[in-house]
Amino acid sequence: MLPTDAPQITPILEAARTAARTLATTPTGLKNKALHSIAAALRGSAAEILAANALDLTAGTENGLPTGMLDRLRLDDARIDALADAVLEISLLADPVGEVVRGSSLPNGVRISQVRVPFGVVGVIYEARPNVTVDIAALALKSGNAVVLRGGSAAENTNRVLVGLLQAATLQVGLPAACVQTIDPAGRAGATELMQARGHVDVLIPRGSAGLIQAVVTQSTVPVIETGAGVVHIFLDESANPQWAVDIVHNSKVHRPSVCNALETLLVHEAAAARLLPGVLAKLSKSGVTLHGDERVRAIYPAAVPATSEDWSAEYLGLELAVAVVDSLDAAIAHIRRYSTGHTESIITNDIVNADRFLNEVDSAAVMVNASTRFTDGGEFGFGAEVGISTQKLHARGPMGLPELTSTKWIVRGSGQVRA
């Protein structure tokens, strides 16, 4: 329950609970109609969204927000269009609510089935990511959940406009505006209340920096699905294709360095280091990447700056990369076990035995062979969008889409049976 001295957001949470009961039984067709209304509102109000976003970007620059966070904060016409496309894609996905997970009939004729049901009220705490406002609202709506958002001061103007559009779009099709609400006006105190709102909020999902996520995990009395930081690794095996190595490493680091699936540490087998590193690192350097190399890396590529012990656990979220030469596949796996946050790891190899070992022995939410780490994404996995990428093992792991926003309940149908 909320503490007695924290009444600010109680009406919002109570309205969300009421809206959740409505959404739980809302037909799929009406939910899809709401999603189409949201997509149209985003496209039709792009100028208003961008004007609000410009205010946030100006304030963020003046307040010294890191480059990576400014990139996540920034919206433009293409990103707004992509958000609308993602909402429409969600409308095309199967509705998970009511799906039968498993079922059976007992010898006495009692029929038992386990079906998917919404969580109810989902709270989300995030920072400087206005795309999350739309993505999570759309996924929550399709999965029958009401959502309460705390988007942070960095995106306050953008989120205020977006939430207003989302509420108007749902109202337009006859659903309650309280399906999507924000507690941003309540500030940090509101975030604290949300974390303590056990009984009002069914699950809490943090998205943002490692510090934000850890604060929510440690302070919350509401069950938390932890979305993790991304200290992401690629290992170039002895047999790696040189062109694949260049292309995959570059894409993983440079394509969008501010996101959690971007590459942060590159490991190279010592037998392939002289063959692979010059081409891989030259292309990265040409793209403006600062390379932090160990002694063996710097012997091959002197332009790299000396790596420190902190570099192996760094999530740079920018154009920086830690690079190390390792003695073997075993050494690469050991390094990953020590420093990985359990997000995404990839091996570049032509050795099927090594590929299978890597897949089986590396314990991360997504493990890849000969592919860019940038593929760990709800949109790329066909989910339309994502709630986040869970690095924990309970309930959900990896990119979270519609099914991950549901729980289950058991349905039992009888005809007068009693237990003997």
Protein backbone atom coordinates (compact mmCIF):
# COMPACT_ATOMS: atom_id res chain seq x y z
CA MET A 1 0.00 0.00 0.00
CA LEU A 2 1.05 3.62 -0.46
CA PRO A 3 2.45 5.30 2.67
CA THR A 4 -0.04 7.58 4.39
CA ASP A 5 2.10 10.66 3.77
CA ALA A 6 2.21 10.11 0.01
CA PRO A 7 -1.21 10.94 -1.44
CA GLN A 8 -0.05 12.62 -4.65
CA ILE A 9 -0.41 9.84 -7.14
CA THR A 10 -3.08 7.72 -5.44
CA PRO A 11 -5.91 9.04 -7.66
CA ILE A 12 -3.83 8.25 -10.75
CA LEU A 13 -3.19 4.70 -9.56
CA GLU A 14 -6.83 4.15 -8.67
CA ALA A 15 -7.90 5.42 -12.10
CA ALA A 16 -5.36 3.08 -13.69
CA ARG A 17 -6.80 0.13 -11.77
CA THR A 18 -10.29 0.98 -13.00
CA ALA A 19 -9.05 1.35 -16.59
CA ALA A 20 -7.21 -1.97 -16.31
CA ARG A 21 -10.45 -3.76 -15.49
CA THR A 22 -11.98 -2.29 -18.65
CA LEU A 23 -8.99 -3.20 -20.80
CA ALA A 24 -8.91 -6.78 -19.52
CA THR A 25 -12.16 -7.51 -21.32
CA THR A 26 -11.77 -5.13 -24.28
CA PRO A 27 -12.12 -6.96 -27.62
CA THR A 28 -9.04 -7.20 -29.81
CA GLY A 29 -10.72 -5.19 -32.57
CA LEU A 30 -11.28 -2.20 -30.31
CA LYS A 31 -7.71 -2.32 -29.00
CA ASN A 32 -6.44 -2.36 -32.58
CA LYS A 33 -8.70 0.56 -33.42
CA ALA A 34 -7.10 2.50 -30.57
CA LEU A 35 -3.64 1.69 -31.92
CA HIS A 36 -4.59 3.00 -35.35
CA SER A 37 -5.89 6.14 -33.68
CA ILE A 38 -2.57 6.55 -31.85
CA ALA A 39 -0.53 6.13 -35.04
CA ALA A 40 -2.64 8.74 -36.81
CA ALA A 41 -2.27 11.14 -33.87
CA LEU A 42 1.52 10.79 -33.90
CA ARG A 43 1.77 11.56 -37.60
CA GLY A 44 -0.80 14.33 -37.45
CA SER A 45 0.88 16.07 -34.52
CA ALA A 46 4.54 15.71 -35.52
CA ALA A 47 5.11 19.48 -35.48
CA GLU A 48 3.78 19.78 -31.93
CA ILE A 49 5.88 16.84 -30.78
CA LEU A 50 9.04 18.21 -32.35
CA ALA A 51 8.51 21.67 -30.85
CA ALA A 52 8.26 20.15 -27.37
CA ASN A 53 11.25 17.91 -28.06
CA ALA A 54 13.32 20.94 -29.12
CA LEU A 55 12.70 22.49 -25.69
CA ASP A 56 13.93 19.31 -23.99
CA LEU A 57 17.00 19.08 -26.24
CA THR A 58 17.93 22.69 -25.53
CA ALA A 59 17.55 22.18 -21.79
CA GLY A 60 19.48 18.91 -21.98
CA THR A 61 22.37 20.55 -23.82
CA GLU A 62 22.46 23.41 -21.32
CA ASN A 63 22.39 20.92 -18.42
CA GLY A 64 25.26 18.90 -19.87
CA LEU A 65 23.43 15.69 -20.73
CA PRO A 66 25.83 13.13 -22.24
CA THR A 67 25.83 12.73 -26.01
CA GLY A 68 24.30 9.27 -25.80
CA MET A 69 21.40 10.48 -23.67
CA LEU A 70 20.80 13.42 -26.01
CA ASP A 71 20.60 10.98 -28.91
CA ARG A 72 18.00 8.91 -27.08
CA LEU A 73 16.08 12.06 -26.22
CA ARG A 74 16.07 13.37 -29.78
CA LEU A 75 13.04 12.92 -32.05
CA ASP A 76 12.78 13.88 -35.70
CA ASP A 77 10.27 13.26 -38.47
CA ALA A 78 11.80 9.88 -39.32
CA ARG A 79 11.75 8.70 -35.71
CA ILE A 80 8.15 9.81 -35.22
CA ASP A 81 7.18 8.01 -38.41
CA ALA A 82 8.99 4.91 -37.17
CA LEU A 83 7.10 5.10 -33.88
CA ALA A 84 3.79 5.26 -35.75
CA ASP A 85 4.83 2.31 -37.92
CA ALA A 86 5.70 0.30 -34.81
CA VAL A 87 2.28 1.02 -33.30
CA LEU A 88 0.60 -0.21 -36.48
CA GLU A 89 2.79 -3.31 -36.48
CA ILE A 90 1.64 -4.07 -32.93
CA SER A 91 -1.95 -3.86 -34.15
CA LEU A 92 -1.19 -6.69 -36.59
CA LEU A 93 0.25 -9.01 -33.94
CA ALA A 94 -1.79 -11.74 -32.29
CA ASP A 95 -3.53 -10.67 -29.10
CA PRO A 96 -1.98 -12.71 -26.26
CA VAL A 97 -4.95 -12.26 -23.91
CA GLY A 98 -6.95 -15.48 -23.70
CA GLU A 99 -4.30 -17.61 -25.38
CA VAL A 100 -4.32 -21.15 -23.99
CA VAL A 101 -0.79 -21.96 -22.84
CA ARG A 102 -1.59 -25.57 -21.97
CA GLY A 103 -4.54 -27.68 -20.95
CA SER A 104 -5.72 -31.16 -20.09
CA SER A 105 -8.72 -33.19 -19.03
CA LEU A 106 -8.69 -35.25 -15.83
CA PRO A 107 -10.00 -38.83 -15.84
CA ASN A 108 -13.13 -37.60 -13.99
CA GLY A 109 -13.95 -35.17 -16.83
CA VAL A 110 -12.75 -31.92 -15.22
CA ARG A 111 -11.14 -29.75 -17.88
CA ILE A 112 -8.17 -27.58 -16.93
CA SER A 113 -6.54 -24.84 -19.00
CA GLN A 114 -3.91 -22.20 -18.37
CA VAL A 115 -4.64 -18.94 -20.21
CA ARG A 116 -2.84 -15.63 -20.62
CA VAL A 117 -4.25 -12.62 -18.78
CA PRO A 118 -3.01 -9.02 -18.45
CA PHE A 119 -0.90 -8.01 -15.46
CA GLY A 120 -3.33 -5.16 -14.73
CA VAL A 121 -1.41 -1.97 -13.93
CA VAL A 122 2.15 -1.67 -15.24
CA GLY A 123 4.42 1.07 -13.92
CA VAL A 124 7.42 2.18 -15.97
CA ILE A 125 10.30 4.40 -14.81
CA TYR A 126 12.67 5.61 -17.53
CA GLU A 127 14.78 8.60 -18.50
CA ALA A 128 15.28 10.72 -21.62
CA ARG A 129 13.55 8.19 -23.89
CA PRO A 130 10.32 9.60 -25.36
CA ASN A 131 10.07 6.63 -27.72
CA VAL A 132 9.48 4.44 -24.65
CA THR A 133 6.35 6.49 -23.88
CA VAL A 134 4.78 5.37 -27.16
CA ASP A 135 6.22 1.86 -27.37
CA ILE A 136 5.16 0.80 -23.90
CA ALA A 137 1.76 2.48 -24.09
CA ALA A 138 0.99 0.64 -27.33
CA LEU A 139 2.21 -2.72 -26.05
CA ALA A 140 0.36 -2.27 -22.76
CA LEU A 141 -2.87 -1.38 -24.51
CA LYS A 142 -2.72 -4.38 -26.88
CA SER A 143 -1.97 -6.73 -23.97
CA GLY A 144 -4.85 -5.32 -21.91
CA ASN A 145 -2.82 -3.38 -19.31
CA ALA A 146 -3.13 0.15 -18.00
CA VAL A 147 0.24 1.89 -17.78
CA VAL A 148 1.56 4.57 -15.41
CA LEU A 149 4.66 6.33 -16.75
CA ARG A 150 7.46 8.23 -15.07
CA GLY A 151 9.56 9.55 -17.94
CA GLY A 152 11.86 11.92 -16.08
CA SER A 153 12.57 15.62 -16.25
CA ALA A 154 14.87 15.43 -19.29
CA ALA A 155 11.94 14.57 -21.59
CA GLU A 156 9.21 16.32 -19.62
CA ASN A 157 7.92 18.54 -22.43
CA THR A 158 7.98 15.79 -25.05
CA ASN A 159 6.31 13.25 -22.80
CA ARG A 160 3.59 15.69 -21.76
CA VAL A 161 2.61 16.15 -25.41
CA LEU A 162 2.88 12.44 -26.19
CA VAL A 163 0.76 11.35 -23.23
CA GLY A 164 -1.86 13.92 -24.15
CA LEU A 165 -1.99 12.55 -27.69
CA LEU A 166 -2.19 8.96 -26.44
CA GLN A 167 -5.04 9.78 -24.08
CA ALA A 168 -6.99 11.67 -26.75
CA ALA A 169 -6.51 8.82 -29.22
CA THR A 170 -7.81 6.19 -26.79
CA LEU A 171 -10.74 8.37 -25.79
CA GLN A 172 -11.62 8.83 -29.46
CA VAL A 173 -12.40 5.11 -29.79
CA GLY A 174 -14.25 4.84 -26.48
CA LEU A 175 -11.53 3.61 -24.13
CA PRO A 176 -10.71 5.46 -20.89
CA ALA A 177 -7.96 8.08 -20.95
CA ALA A 178 -6.59 6.50 -17.77
CA CYS A 179 -5.29 3.61 -19.87
CA VAL A 180 -2.15 5.76 -20.21
CA GLN A 181 -1.10 8.18 -17.48
CA THR A 182 2.02 10.03 -16.40
CA ILE A 183 3.23 10.95 -12.91
CA ASP A 184 5.96 13.28 -14.19
CA PRO A 185 4.37 16.33 -12.47
CA ALA A 186 4.93 14.57 -9.13
CA GLY A 187 8.70 14.55 -9.74
CA ARG A 188 11.07 12.27 -7.87
CA ALA A 189 8.64 11.95 -4.99
CA GLY A 190 6.13 10.48 -7.42
CA ALA A 191 8.69 7.97 -8.64
CA THR A 192 9.35 6.92 -5.05
CA GLU A 193 5.63 6.52 -4.43
CA LEU A 194 5.28 4.44 -7.58
CA MET A 195 8.03 2.12 -6.37
CA GLN A 196 6.18 1.71 -3.05
CA ALA A 197 2.73 1.26 -4.59
CA ARG A 198 2.41 -2.45 -3.93
CA GLY A 199 -1.26 -3.34 -4.18
CA HIS A 200 -1.89 -0.56 -6.69
CA VAL A 201 0.73 -1.49 -9.30
CA ASP A 202 1.20 -5.10 -10.40
CA VAL A 203 4.66 -4.87 -11.93
CA LEU A 204 7.30 -2.16 -12.34
CA ILE A 205 9.73 -1.95 -15.26
CA PRO A 206 12.76 0.38 -15.15
CA ARG A 207 14.56 1.44 -18.34
CA GLY A 208 17.66 3.56 -18.35
CA SER A 209 21.11 3.73 -16.84
CA ALA A 210 22.54 1.04 -14.61
CA GLY A 211 22.15 3.47 -11.69
CA LEU A 212 18.46 4.05 -12.36
CA ILE A 213 17.75 0.34 -12.76
CA GLN A 214 19.61 -0.57 -9.58
CA ALA A 215 17.80 2.15 -7.63
CA VAL A 216 14.42 0.78 -8.71
CA VAL A 217 15.40 -2.83 -7.99
CA THR A 218 16.65 -2.03 -4.49
CA GLN A 219 13.98 0.48 -3.44
CA SER A 220 10.82 -1.00 -4.94
CA THR A 221 8.28 -3.05 -3.01
CA VAL A 222 6.44 -3.66 -6.29
CA PRO A 223 7.65 -6.71 -8.27
CA VAL A 224 10.26 -5.53 -10.78
CA ILE A 225 11.22 -6.86 -14.20
CA GLU A 226 14.82 -5.75 -14.50
CA THR A 227 15.95 -4.44 -17.87
CA GLY A 228 19.70 -4.36 -17.77
CA ALA A 229 22.64 -2.31 -18.85
CA GLY A 230 24.44 -3.57 -21.91
CA VAL A 231 28.14 -4.38 -21.54
CA VAL A 232 27.98 -6.21 -24.87
CA HIS A 233 30.79 -8.38 -26.29
CA ILE A 234 31.90 -9.71 -29.67
CA PHE A 235 34.58 -12.40 -29.87
CA LEU A 236 36.57 -12.75 -33.10
CA ASP A 237 37.51 -16.43 -33.21
CA GLU A 238 40.62 -17.79 -34.88
CA SER A 239 38.65 -18.74 -38.00
CA ALA A 240 36.63 -15.51 -38.32
CA ASN A 241 35.91 -14.25 -41.83
CA PRO A 242 37.84 -10.93 -42.09
CA GLN A 243 35.11 -9.07 -43.96
CA TRP A 244 32.42 -10.30 -41.59
CA ALA A 245 34.59 -9.18 -38.70
CA VAL A 246 34.94 -5.67 -40.12
CA ASP A 247 31.29 -5.29 -41.03
CA ILE A 248 29.71 -6.85 -37.94
CA VAL A 249 31.95 -5.09 -35.42
CA HIS A 250 31.47 -1.73 -37.13
CA ASN A 251 27.69 -2.11 -37.31
CA SER A 252 27.49 -3.28 -33.70
CA LYS A 253 29.42 -0.25 -32.45
CA VAL A 254 28.67 2.60 -34.83
CA HIS A 255 25.12 2.00 -36.11
CA ARG A 256 23.65 3.58 -32.97
CA PRO A 257 26.20 3.71 -30.17
CA SER A 258 23.87 5.17 -27.53
CA VAL A 259 21.64 2.10 -27.17
CA CYS A 260 21.99 -0.90 -24.90
CA ASN A 261 22.66 -3.46 -27.67
CA ALA A 262 25.66 -1.54 -29.00
CA LEU A 263 29.04 -3.25 -28.75
CA GLU A 264 31.21 -2.17 -25.81
CA THR A 265 34.03 -4.76 -25.67
CA LEU A 266 35.76 -6.56 -28.55
CA LEU A 267 37.75 -9.73 -27.82
CA VAL A 268 40.10 -11.26 -30.40
CA HIS A 269 41.78 -14.67 -30.46
CA GLU A 270 45.54 -14.22 -30.28
CA ALA A 271 46.06 -16.41 -33.36
CA ALA A 272 43.87 -14.09 -35.42
CA ALA A 273 44.75 -10.73 -33.88
CA ALA A 274 47.43 -9.68 -36.38
CA ARG A 275 45.22 -10.77 -39.28
CA LEU A 276 41.95 -9.21 -38.12
CA LEU A 277 42.61 -6.23 -35.87
CA PRO A 278 44.20 -3.77 -38.35
CA GLY A 279 41.20 -3.77 -40.69
CA VAL A 280 38.57 -3.89 -37.95
CA LEU A 281 40.11 -1.09 -35.87
CA ALA A 282 40.97 1.11 -38.83
CA LYS A 283 37.35 1.24 -39.94
CA LEU A 284 36.19 1.96 -36.39
CA SER A 285 38.78 4.72 -36.00
CA LYS A 286 37.74 6.25 -39.31
CA SER A 287 34.19 6.48 -37.90
CA GLY A 288 35.46 8.39 -34.86
CA VAL A 289 35.59 5.53 -32.35
CA THR A 290 38.09 5.93 -29.50
CA LEU A 291 39.77 2.56 -29.00
CA HIS A 292 40.90 1.41 -25.55
CA GLY A 293 43.35 -1.45 -26.09
CA ASP A 294 45.35 -3.77 -23.89
CA GLU A 295 49.10 -4.21 -24.45
CA ARG A 296 48.72 -6.85 -27.14
CA VAL A 297 46.21 -4.73 -29.01
CA ARG A 298 48.47 -1.67 -28.87
CA ALA A 299 51.40 -3.72 -30.17
CA ILE A 300 49.34 -4.34 -33.33
CA TYR A 301 47.47 -1.02 -33.41
CA PRO A 302 49.54 1.67 -31.60
CA ALA A 303 46.86 4.35 -32.09
CA ALA A 304 44.71 2.72 -29.41
CA VAL A 305 44.84 4.35 -25.99
CA PRO A 306 45.88 2.17 -23.04
CA ALA A 307 42.92 0.32 -21.54
CA THR A 308 42.35 0.44 -17.78
CA SER A 309 40.63 -2.12 -15.60
CA GLU A 310 37.50 0.05 -15.62
CA ASP A 311 37.18 -0.24 -19.41
CA TRP A 312 36.17 -3.92 -19.27
CA SER A 313 33.01 -3.13 -17.33
CA ALA A 314 32.23 0.17 -19.08
CA GLU A 315 28.96 0.80 -20.89
CA TYR A 316 30.20 3.73 -22.95
CA LEU A 317 26.95 4.45 -24.83
CA GLY A 318 29.08 6.44 -27.26
CA LEU A 319 31.90 6.14 -29.78
CA GLU A 320 34.32 4.29 -27.51
CA LEU A 321 35.30 0.62 -27.49
CA ALA A 322 37.41 -1.60 -25.23
CA VAL A 323 39.55 -4.13 -27.14
CA ALA A 324 41.52 -7.09 -25.78
CA VAL A 325 43.46 -10.02 -27.21
CA VAL A 326 42.66 -13.33 -25.48
CA ASP A 327 44.48 -16.64 -25.60
CA SER A 328 41.56 -18.87 -26.55
CA LEU A 329 37.81 -19.39 -26.74
CA ASP A 330 37.94 -20.48 -23.10
CA ALA A 331 39.60 -17.18 -22.17
CA ALA A 332 36.98 -15.22 -24.12
CA ILE A 333 34.13 -17.03 -22.36
CA ALA A 334 35.82 -16.46 -18.99
CA HIS A 335 36.17 -12.73 -19.72
CA ILE A 336 32.51 -12.51 -20.73
CA ARG A 337 31.41 -14.36 -17.59
CA ARG A 338 33.32 -11.88 -15.45
CA TYR A 339 32.30 -8.61 -17.08
CA SER A 340 29.08 -9.16 -19.03
CA THR A 341 25.78 -7.74 -17.83
CA GLY A 342 23.99 -10.67 -19.46
CA HIS A 343 22.56 -8.68 -22.36
CA THR A 344 24.02 -9.77 -25.73
CA GLU A 345 27.20 -11.50 -26.89
CA SER A 346 28.26 -12.59 -30.39
CA ILE A 347 31.01 -14.77 -31.86
CA ILE A 348 32.40 -14.39 -35.38
CA THR A 349 33.66 -17.80 -36.46
CA ASN A 350 33.71 -20.43 -39.20
CA ASP A 351 34.18 -23.23 -36.67
CA ILE A 352 30.84 -24.93 -35.93
CA VAL A 353 32.18 -26.58 -32.78
CA ASN A 354 33.31 -23.24 -31.36
CA ALA A 355 30.03 -21.65 -32.40
CA ASP A 356 28.04 -24.30 -30.54
CA ARG A 357 30.27 -24.00 -27.47
CA PHE A 358 29.79 -20.24 -27.41
CA LEU A 359 26.01 -20.57 -27.74
CA ASN A 360 25.82 -23.18 -25.01
CA GLU A 361 28.31 -21.78 -22.50
CA VAL A 362 27.67 -18.03 -22.67
CA ASP A 363 24.80 -17.20 -20.32
CA SER A 364 23.26 -14.01 -21.69
CA ALA A 365 19.75 -13.05 -22.78
CA ALA A 366 20.81 -13.14 -26.44
CA VAL A 367 23.77 -15.10 -27.82
CA MET A 368 24.67 -14.86 -31.51
CA VAL A 369 26.87 -16.37 -34.18
CA ASN A 370 28.10 -14.23 -37.09
CA ALA A 371 25.56 -11.47 -36.54
CA SER A 372 25.51 -7.89 -35.28
CA THR A 373 24.53 -7.34 -31.67
CA ARG A 374 22.18 -4.61 -32.91
CA PHE A 375 19.64 -7.35 -33.73
CA THR A 376 18.73 -7.74 -30.04
CA ASP A 377 15.66 -5.57 -30.36
CA GLY A 378 11.92 -6.10 -30.10
CA GLY A 379 11.30 -4.54 -33.50
CA GLU A 380 13.96 -6.68 -35.17
CA PHE A 381 12.58 -9.80 -33.45
CA GLY A 382 9.14 -9.09 -34.90
CA PHE A 383 7.49 -7.74 -31.73
CA GLY A 384 6.61 -4.36 -33.27
CA ALA A 385 8.30 -2.65 -30.34
CA GLU A 386 9.65 -3.69 -26.96
CA VAL A 387 8.99 -2.99 -23.32
CA GLY A 388 12.70 -3.40 -22.73
CA ILE A 389 15.36 -6.09 -22.81
CA SER A 390 15.23 -8.15 -19.65
CA THR A 391 18.55 -9.47 -18.38
CA GLN A 392 17.01 -11.35 -15.48
CA LYS A 393 15.78 -14.94 -15.58
CA LEU A 394 12.41 -14.85 -13.85
CA HIS A 395 9.27 -14.29 -15.93
CA ALA A 396 10.96 -12.79 -18.97
CA ARG A 397 14.39 -12.69 -20.58
CA GLY A 398 15.59 -10.77 -23.63
CA PRO A 399 13.41 -8.42 -25.70
CA MET A 400 9.97 -8.17 -24.12
CA GLY A 401 6.90 -7.95 -26.34
CA LEU A 402 3.20 -8.62 -25.88
CA PRO A 403 3.33 -12.08 -24.21
CA GLU A 404 5.82 -10.79 -21.66
CA LEU A 405 3.21 -8.23 -20.49
CA THR A 406 0.88 -11.01 -19.46
CA SER A 407 0.62 -13.46 -16.61
CA THR A 408 -1.57 -16.57 -16.59
CA LYS A 409 -4.48 -17.95 -14.65
CA TRP A 410 -6.00 -21.41 -14.46
CA ILE A 411 -9.50 -22.08 -15.76
CA VAL A 412 -11.23 -25.20 -14.41
CA ARG A 413 -14.51 -26.44 -15.90
CA GLY A 414 -16.46 -29.22 -14.28
CA SER A 415 -19.91 -30.81 -14.29
CA GLY A 416 -20.50 -31.51 -10.64
CA GLN A 417 -17.27 -33.38 -9.81
CA VAL A 418 -15.97 -33.47 -6.23
CA ARG A 419 -12.54 -34.57 -5.09
CA ALA A 420 -12.44 -38.10 -3.71
